[in-house]
Amino acid sequence: MKLNIPEKYTDLYVKALKEKKQTLQLKINQFKAEINEIDVHLDSLLNLPLFQENEEQNLMHQKTNTYHDQWPWTKKIAYFIDFRRKLVKTMEVVEFIMEKEPELNKSKVRSSVSAALSNKMKKGIYRKFEDPVTGNTYYGPVNFFLNQHEPHIEYMPEDLKERLLYNK
């Protein structure tokens, strides 16, 4: 960058630039500290029992193959996906859980399901597929996908297959 600054103002200009840089560096450090706080908070939230599966619950699922309201959200989602054998939308999972547990608060279920899906995606257990036509997001286990972005046809819901494969 080439500037034509009179010599008598160069010291002032350099000083102003250094102050601006220092101010920006302070802001960056504040943002980094906030991000670290958020990461710590997220980690502690995601380690709560409602996001964790334990051996006892896995055994219960294997023995009975029926839905249990004591399961953590991740287990309820996995049960629904096992039941459907297709990619699912968040709202489909929410509606399923609400049918099984009508006494729950729907917005709490929605946020808990979203958080659990996000957690499973971060851990690389689930992937998501965004329908390019409607913008709807579908989730499923990694084995439902050919690669990072493309689901196996057999795991696509019928309405999604119709839109993407047969309407060309």
C-alpha atoms as a PDB file:
ATOM      1  CA  MET A   1       0.000   0.000   0.000  1.00  0.00           C
ATOM      2  CA  LYS A   2       1.488   3.317  -1.064  1.00  0.00           C
ATOM      3  CA  LEU A   3       0.420   6.495   0.699  1.00  0.00           C
ATOM      4  CA  ASN A   4       1.376  10.093   0.132  1.00  0.00           C
ATOM      5  CA  ILE A   5       1.432  11.474   3.647  1.00  0.00           C
ATOM      6  CA  PRO A   6       3.313  14.654   4.463  1.00  0.00           C
ATOM      7  CA  GLU A   7       6.356  13.900   6.581  1.00  0.00           C
ATOM      8  CA  LYS A   8       5.144  15.943   9.527  1.00  0.00           C
ATOM      9  CA  TYR A   9       2.085  13.617   9.854  1.00  0.00           C
ATOM     10  CA  THR A  10       3.798  10.221   9.473  1.00  0.00           C
ATOM     11  CA  ASP A  11       4.428   9.835  13.214  1.00  0.00           C
ATOM     12  CA  LEU A  12       0.758  10.551  13.941  1.00  0.00           C
ATOM     13  CA  TYR A  13      -0.370   8.171  11.227  1.00  0.00           C
ATOM     14  CA  VAL A  14       1.916   5.356  12.458  1.00  0.00           C
ATOM     15  CA  LYS A  15       0.712   5.919  16.015  1.00  0.00           C
ATOM     16  CA  ALA A  16      -2.938   5.828  14.889  1.00  0.00           C
ATOM     17  CA  LEU A  17      -2.385   2.596  12.957  1.00  0.00           C
ATOM     18  CA  LYS A  18      -0.655   0.956  15.925  1.00  0.00           C
ATOM     19  CA  GLU A  19      -3.531   1.974  18.223  1.00  0.00           C
ATOM     20  CA  LYS A  20      -6.097   0.644  15.754  1.00  0.00           C
ATOM     21  CA  LYS A  21      -4.169  -2.634  15.502  1.00  0.00           C
ATOM     22  CA  GLN A  22      -4.012  -2.904  19.298  1.00  0.00           C
ATOM     23  CA  THR A  23      -7.762  -2.268  19.581  1.00  0.00           C
ATOM     24  CA  LEU A  24      -8.516  -4.937  16.986  1.00  0.00           C
ATOM     25  CA  GLN A  25      -6.173  -7.413  18.711  1.00  0.00           C
ATOM     26  CA  LEU A  26      -8.032  -6.834  22.006  1.00  0.00           C
ATOM     27  CA  LYS A  27     -11.352  -7.528  20.278  1.00  0.00           C
ATOM     28  CA  ILE A  28      -9.936 -10.712  18.741  1.00  0.00           C
ATOM     29  CA  ASN A  29      -8.762 -11.871  22.172  1.00  0.00           C
ATOM     30  CA  GLN A  30     -12.195 -11.112  23.646  1.00  0.00           C
ATOM     31  CA  PHE A  31     -13.892 -13.111  20.878  1.00  0.00           C
ATOM     32  CA  LYS A  32     -11.495 -16.023  21.425  1.00  0.00           C
ATOM     33  CA  ALA A  33     -12.280 -15.978  25.151  1.00  0.00           C
ATOM     34  CA  GLU A  34     -16.030 -15.958  24.400  1.00  0.00           C
ATOM     35  CA  ILE A  35     -15.641 -18.845  21.955  1.00  0.00           C
ATOM     36  CA  ASN A  36     -13.722 -20.832  24.572  1.00  0.00           C
ATOM     37  CA  GLU A  37     -16.463 -20.155  27.128  1.00  0.00           C
ATOM     38  CA  ILE A  38     -19.095 -21.354  24.660  1.00  0.00           C
ATOM     39  CA  ASP A  39     -17.066 -24.493  23.874  1.00  0.00           C
ATOM     40  CA  VAL A  40     -16.737 -25.310  27.579  1.00  0.00           C
ATOM     41  CA  HIS A  41     -20.455 -24.734  28.084  1.00  0.00           C
ATOM     42  CA  LEU A  42     -21.368 -26.872  25.055  1.00  0.00           C
ATOM     43  CA  ASP A  43     -19.080 -29.684  26.168  1.00  0.00           C
ATOM     44  CA  SER A  44     -20.618 -29.722  29.636  1.00  0.00           C
ATOM     45  CA  LEU A  45     -24.141 -29.686  28.141  1.00  0.00           C
ATOM     46  CA  LEU A  46     -23.432 -32.436  25.637  1.00  0.00           C
ATOM     47  CA  ASN A  47     -21.996 -34.614  28.397  1.00  0.00           C
ATOM     48  CA  LEU A  48     -25.250 -34.500  30.358  1.00  0.00           C
ATOM     49  CA  PRO A  49     -26.985 -37.886  30.688  1.00  0.00           C
ATOM     50  CA  LEU A  50     -29.775 -36.894  28.294  1.00  0.00           C
ATOM     51  CA  PHE A  51     -27.230 -36.919  25.417  1.00  0.00           C
ATOM     52  CA  GLN A  52     -25.483 -40.103  26.527  1.00  0.00           C
ATOM     53  CA  GLU A  53     -26.415 -43.704  25.994  1.00  0.00           C
ATOM     54  CA  ASN A  54     -25.529 -46.214  28.640  1.00  0.00           C
ATOM     55  CA  GLU A  55     -25.173 -49.979  28.549  1.00  0.00           C
ATOM     56  CA  GLU A  56     -28.294 -50.627  30.617  1.00  0.00           C
ATOM     57  CA  GLN A  57     -30.447 -48.697  28.140  1.00  0.00           C
ATOM     58  CA  ASN A  58     -28.849 -50.501  25.186  1.00  0.00           C
ATOM     59  CA  LEU A  59     -29.638 -53.861  26.800  1.00  0.00           C
ATOM     60  CA  MET A  60     -33.222 -52.756  27.467  1.00  0.00           C
ATOM     61  CA  HIS A  61     -33.606 -51.842  23.790  1.00  0.00           C
ATOM     62  CA  GLN A  62     -32.126 -55.162  22.646  1.00  0.00           C
ATOM     63  CA  LYS A  63     -34.344 -57.198  24.978  1.00  0.00           C
ATOM     64  CA  THR A  64     -37.669 -55.502  24.311  1.00  0.00           C
ATOM     65  CA  ASN A  65     -37.398 -53.684  20.979  1.00  0.00           C
ATOM     66  CA  THR A  66     -40.055 -51.242  22.227  1.00  0.00           C
ATOM     67  CA  TYR A  67     -39.905 -47.514  22.822  1.00  0.00           C
ATOM     68  CA  HIS A  68     -39.000 -46.306  26.318  1.00  0.00           C
ATOM     69  CA  ASP A  69     -39.560 -42.767  27.508  1.00  0.00           C
ATOM     70  CA  GLN A  70     -36.559 -43.063  29.882  1.00  0.00           C
ATOM     71  CA  TRP A  71     -34.133 -43.230  26.969  1.00  0.00           C
ATOM     72  CA  PRO A  72     -31.898 -40.277  26.197  1.00  0.00           C
ATOM     73  CA  TRP A  73     -32.805 -38.262  23.103  1.00  0.00           C
ATOM     74  CA  THR A  74     -30.097 -39.933  21.030  1.00  0.00           C
ATOM     75  CA  LYS A  75     -31.597 -43.355  21.716  1.00  0.00           C
ATOM     76  CA  LYS A  76     -35.123 -42.171  20.867  1.00  0.00           C
ATOM     77  CA  ILE A  77     -33.837 -40.790  17.548  1.00  0.00           C
ATOM     78  CA  ALA A  78     -31.929 -43.999  16.793  1.00  0.00           C
ATOM     79  CA  TYR A  79     -35.039 -46.051  17.590  1.00  0.00           C
ATOM     80  CA  PHE A  80     -37.133 -43.979  15.152  1.00  0.00           C
ATOM     81  CA  ILE A  81     -34.498 -44.247  12.412  1.00  0.00           C
ATOM     82  CA  ASP A  82     -34.259 -48.032  12.982  1.00  0.00           C
ATOM     83  CA  PHE A  83     -38.049 -48.209  12.802  1.00  0.00           C
ATOM     84  CA  ARG A  84     -38.261 -46.142   9.580  1.00  0.00           C
ATOM     85  CA  ARG A  85     -35.101 -47.449   7.903  1.00  0.00           C
ATOM     86  CA  LYS A  86     -34.994 -44.114   5.994  1.00  0.00           C
ATOM     87  CA  LEU A  87     -33.412 -40.687   6.371  1.00  0.00           C
ATOM     88  CA  VAL A  88     -35.560 -38.542   8.655  1.00  0.00           C
ATOM     89  CA  LYS A  89     -36.327 -34.864   9.150  1.00  0.00           C
ATOM     90  CA  THR A  90     -36.110 -33.310  12.608  1.00  0.00           C
ATOM     91  CA  MET A  91     -39.852 -32.639  12.694  1.00  0.00           C
ATOM     92  CA  GLU A  92     -40.631 -36.292  11.876  1.00  0.00           C
ATOM     93  CA  VAL A  93     -38.618 -37.362  14.915  1.00  0.00           C
ATOM     94  CA  VAL A  94     -40.329 -34.705  17.041  1.00  0.00           C
ATOM     95  CA  GLU A  95     -43.803 -35.835  15.896  1.00  0.00           C
ATOM     96  CA  PHE A  96     -42.921 -39.460  16.630  1.00  0.00           C
ATOM     97  CA  ILE A  97     -41.708 -38.642  20.142  1.00  0.00           C
ATOM     98  CA  MET A  98     -44.765 -36.450  20.755  1.00  0.00           C
ATOM     99  CA  GLU A  99     -47.030 -39.383  19.761  1.00  0.00           C
ATOM    100  CA  LYS A 100     -45.227 -41.596  22.261  1.00  0.00           C
ATOM    101  CA  GLU A 101     -44.978 -38.944  24.990  1.00  0.00           C
ATOM    102  CA  PRO A 102     -47.793 -36.402  24.507  1.00  0.00           C
ATOM    103  CA  GLU A 103     -47.147 -34.839  27.911  1.00  0.00           C
ATOM    104  CA  LEU A 104     -43.817 -33.375  26.711  1.00  0.00           C
ATOM    105  CA  ASN A 105     -43.362 -29.784  25.598  1.00  0.00           C
ATOM    106  CA  LYS A 106     -43.036 -29.808  21.790  1.00  0.00           C
ATOM    107  CA  SER A 107     -40.560 -26.925  21.613  1.00  0.00           C
ATOM    108  CA  LYS A 108     -38.337 -28.588  24.235  1.00  0.00           C
ATOM    109  CA  VAL A 109     -38.492 -31.851  22.285  1.00  0.00           C
ATOM    110  CA  ARG A 110     -37.613 -29.994  19.067  1.00  0.00           C
ATOM    111  CA  SER A 111     -34.589 -28.266  20.602  1.00  0.00           C
ATOM    112  CA  SER A 112     -33.428 -31.464  22.337  1.00  0.00           C
ATOM    113  CA  VAL A 113     -33.731 -33.504  19.135  1.00  0.00           C
ATOM    114  CA  SER A 114     -31.850 -30.816  17.180  1.00  0.00           C
ATOM    115  CA  ALA A 115     -29.078 -30.731  19.780  1.00  0.00           C
ATOM    116  CA  ALA A 116     -28.817 -34.533  19.870  1.00  0.00           C
ATOM    117  CA  LEU A 117     -28.652 -34.733  16.057  1.00  0.00           C
ATOM    118  CA  SER A 118     -25.986 -32.036  16.011  1.00  0.00           C
ATOM    119  CA  ASN A 119     -23.999 -33.928  18.635  1.00  0.00           C
ATOM    120  CA  LYS A 120     -24.223 -37.170  16.638  1.00  0.00           C
ATOM    121  CA  MET A 121     -23.068 -35.318  13.516  1.00  0.00           C
ATOM    122  CA  LYS A 122     -20.093 -33.781  15.324  1.00  0.00           C
ATOM    123  CA  LYS A 123     -19.098 -37.247  16.483  1.00  0.00           C
ATOM    124  CA  GLY A 124     -19.339 -38.535  12.892  1.00  0.00           C
ATOM    125  CA  ILE A 125     -22.141 -41.004  13.709  1.00  0.00           C
ATOM    126  CA  TYR A 126     -24.806 -39.245  11.617  1.00  0.00           C
ATOM    127  CA  ARG A 127     -24.730 -37.227   8.425  1.00  0.00           C
ATOM    128  CA  LYS A 128     -27.185 -34.829   6.907  1.00  0.00           C
ATOM    129  CA  PHE A 129     -28.506 -34.381   3.402  1.00  0.00           C
ATOM    130  CA  GLU A 130     -30.058 -31.130   2.243  1.00  0.00           C
ATOM    131  CA  ASP A 131     -32.747 -31.515  -0.410  1.00  0.00           C
ATOM    132  CA  PRO A 132     -31.684 -29.095  -3.171  1.00  0.00           C
ATOM    133  CA  VAL A 133     -35.316 -28.660  -4.272  1.00  0.00           C
ATOM    134  CA  THR A 134     -37.081 -27.917  -0.965  1.00  0.00           C
ATOM    135  CA  GLY A 135     -34.145 -27.102   1.305  1.00  0.00           C
ATOM    136  CA  ASN A 136     -35.367 -29.720   3.819  1.00  0.00           C
ATOM    137  CA  THR A 137     -32.626 -31.385   5.835  1.00  0.00           C
ATOM    138  CA  TYR A 138     -32.598 -35.164   6.319  1.00  0.00           C
ATOM    139  CA  TYR A 139     -30.484 -37.070   8.839  1.00  0.00           C
ATOM    140  CA  GLY A 140     -29.304 -40.632   9.093  1.00  0.00           C
ATOM    141  CA  PRO A 141     -26.459 -42.859  10.211  1.00  0.00           C
ATOM    142  CA  VAL A 142     -23.230 -42.746   8.213  1.00  0.00           C
ATOM    143  CA  ASN A 143     -23.972 -46.164   6.662  1.00  0.00           C
ATOM    144  CA  PHE A 144     -27.069 -44.626   4.967  1.00  0.00           C
ATOM    145  CA  PHE A 145     -24.692 -42.530   2.824  1.00  0.00           C
ATOM    146  CA  LEU A 146     -22.533 -43.313  -0.210  1.00  0.00           C
ATOM    147  CA  ASN A 147     -20.182 -40.480   0.664  1.00  0.00           C
ATOM    148  CA  GLN A 148     -20.078 -37.282   2.699  1.00  0.00           C
ATOM    149  CA  HIS A 149     -23.048 -35.702   0.872  1.00  0.00           C
ATOM    150  CA  GLU A 150     -24.919 -38.412  -1.026  1.00  0.00           C
ATOM    151  CA  PRO A 151     -27.390 -40.859   0.570  1.00  0.00           C
ATOM    152  CA  HIS A 152     -27.974 -44.411  -0.680  1.00  0.00           C
ATOM    153  CA  ILE A 153     -31.179 -44.484  -2.719  1.00  0.00           C
ATOM    154  CA  GLU A 154     -32.652 -47.269  -0.577  1.00  0.00           C
ATOM    155  CA  TYR A 155     -32.547 -45.014   2.508  1.00  0.00           C
ATOM    156  CA  MET A 156     -34.184 -42.002   0.842  1.00  0.00           C
ATOM    157  CA  PRO A 157     -37.829 -41.366   1.790  1.00  0.00           C
ATOM    158  CA  GLU A 158     -40.252 -41.837  -1.113  1.00  0.00           C
ATOM    159  CA  ASP A 159     -41.108 -38.129  -1.452  1.00  0.00           C
ATOM    160  CA  LEU A 160     -37.404 -37.281  -1.711  1.00  0.00           C
ATOM    161  CA  LYS A 161     -36.814 -40.019  -4.309  1.00  0.00           C
ATOM    162  CA  GLU A 162     -39.752 -38.714  -6.337  1.00  0.00           C
ATOM    163  CA  ARG A 163     -38.423 -35.153  -6.334  1.00  0.00           C
ATOM    164  CA  LEU A 164     -34.811 -35.938  -7.061  1.00  0.00           C
ATOM    165  CA  LEU A 165     -34.851 -39.048  -9.228  1.00  0.00           C
ATOM    166  CA  TYR A 166     -38.059 -39.210 -11.192  1.00  0.00           C
ATOM    167  CA  ASN A 167     -38.916 -35.566 -11.956  1.00  0.00           C
ATOM    168  CA  LYS A 168     -36.116 -34.790 -14.358  1.00  0.00           C
END
